Amino acid sequence: MGSIRSSGIKKTAESLVTSFPGKFNLDFHENREVVRQVVTVPSKKTLNNIAGYVTRYMLKLESRRKKEEEEVAPPV
């Protein structure tokens, strides 16, 4: 069973990804350090939630990008 994140966590994470393109990747620990540097977070749990959603969001963007590439490229 997955965890449900609040809309505040999602909005913060998505705005960070759009504000700092290229800083985030698919590694949770690296994303956590970037979030720590960029945003003042009130607690460790909130920091982890934001970094976790950033990682999940990056995976979603990556899979969406691959799907679009497959649709554009003709099958060989």
Protein backbone atom coordinates (compact mmCIF):
# COMPACT_ATOMS: atom_id res chain seq x y z
CA MET A 1 0.00 0.00 0.00
CA GLY A 2 1.44 3.34 -1.04
CA SER A 3 1.64 6.50 0.94
CA ILE A 4 -0.67 9.43 0.29
CA ARG A 5 1.11 12.77 0.10
CA SER A 6 -0.53 16.08 0.85
CA SER A 7 -1.09 18.59 -1.93
CA GLY A 8 1.41 20.94 -0.26
CA ILE A 9 4.20 18.37 -0.61
CA LYS A 10 3.26 17.73 -4.25
CA LYS A 11 3.04 21.43 -5.16
CA THR A 12 6.37 22.18 -3.48
CA ALA A 13 8.11 19.28 -5.20
CA GLU A 14 6.69 20.08 -8.63
CA SER A 15 7.59 23.76 -8.31
CA LEU A 16 11.15 22.83 -7.31
CA VAL A 17 11.53 20.61 -10.37
CA THR A 18 10.29 23.37 -12.68
CA SER A 19 12.30 26.10 -10.92
CA PHE A 20 15.58 24.14 -10.94
CA PRO A 21 15.67 22.10 -14.15
CA GLY A 22 18.61 19.74 -14.35
CA LYS A 23 19.31 19.71 -10.60
CA PHE A 24 17.16 16.69 -9.79
CA ASN A 25 17.55 13.11 -10.98
CA LEU A 26 16.27 9.61 -10.18
CA ASP A 27 18.35 9.18 -6.98
CA PHE A 28 16.52 9.91 -3.72
CA HIS A 29 19.65 10.71 -1.68
CA GLU A 30 20.95 13.25 -4.19
CA ASN A 31 17.51 14.84 -4.48
CA ARG A 32 17.33 15.05 -0.69
CA GLU A 33 20.58 17.02 -0.56
CA VAL A 34 19.40 19.39 -3.31
CA VAL A 35 16.09 19.99 -1.49
CA ARG A 36 18.01 20.64 1.73
CA GLN A 37 20.16 23.25 -0.02
CA VAL A 38 17.32 24.97 -1.88
CA VAL A 39 14.46 25.03 0.65
CA THR A 40 14.23 25.58 4.38
CA VAL A 41 12.22 22.60 5.59
CA PRO A 42 10.68 22.50 9.08
CA SER A 43 11.36 18.82 9.76
CA LYS A 44 13.25 15.77 8.58
CA LYS A 45 10.00 13.99 7.72
CA THR A 46 8.87 16.85 5.48
CA LEU A 47 12.29 16.94 3.81
CA ASN A 48 12.09 13.22 3.08
CA ASN A 49 8.51 13.52 1.80
CA ILE A 50 9.46 16.30 -0.62
CA ALA A 51 12.59 14.50 -1.82
CA GLY A 52 10.63 11.27 -2.24
CA TYR A 53 7.95 12.93 -4.31
CA VAL A 54 10.58 14.74 -6.40
CA THR A 55 12.13 11.35 -7.16
CA ARG A 56 8.74 9.84 -8.03
CA TYR A 57 7.86 12.88 -10.15
CA MET A 58 11.16 12.61 -12.05
CA LEU A 59 10.43 8.93 -12.76
CA LYS A 60 7.01 9.91 -14.09
CA LEU A 61 8.51 12.61 -16.32
CA GLU A 62 11.16 10.20 -17.59
CA SER A 63 8.62 7.51 -18.48
CA ARG A 64 6.41 10.11 -20.17
CA ARG A 65 9.39 11.35 -22.20
CA LYS A 66 10.29 7.79 -23.31
CA LYS A 67 6.69 7.09 -24.28
CA GLU A 68 6.58 10.25 -26.42
CA GLU A 69 9.86 9.28 -28.10
CA GLU A 70 8.47 5.83 -28.94
CA GLU A 71 5.35 7.36 -30.46
CA VAL A 72 7.36 9.78 -32.62
CA ALA A 73 9.97 7.27 -33.83
CA PRO A 74 8.69 4.88 -36.50
CA PRO A 75 9.14 1.17 -35.72
CA VAL A 76 12.12 -0.43 -37.43
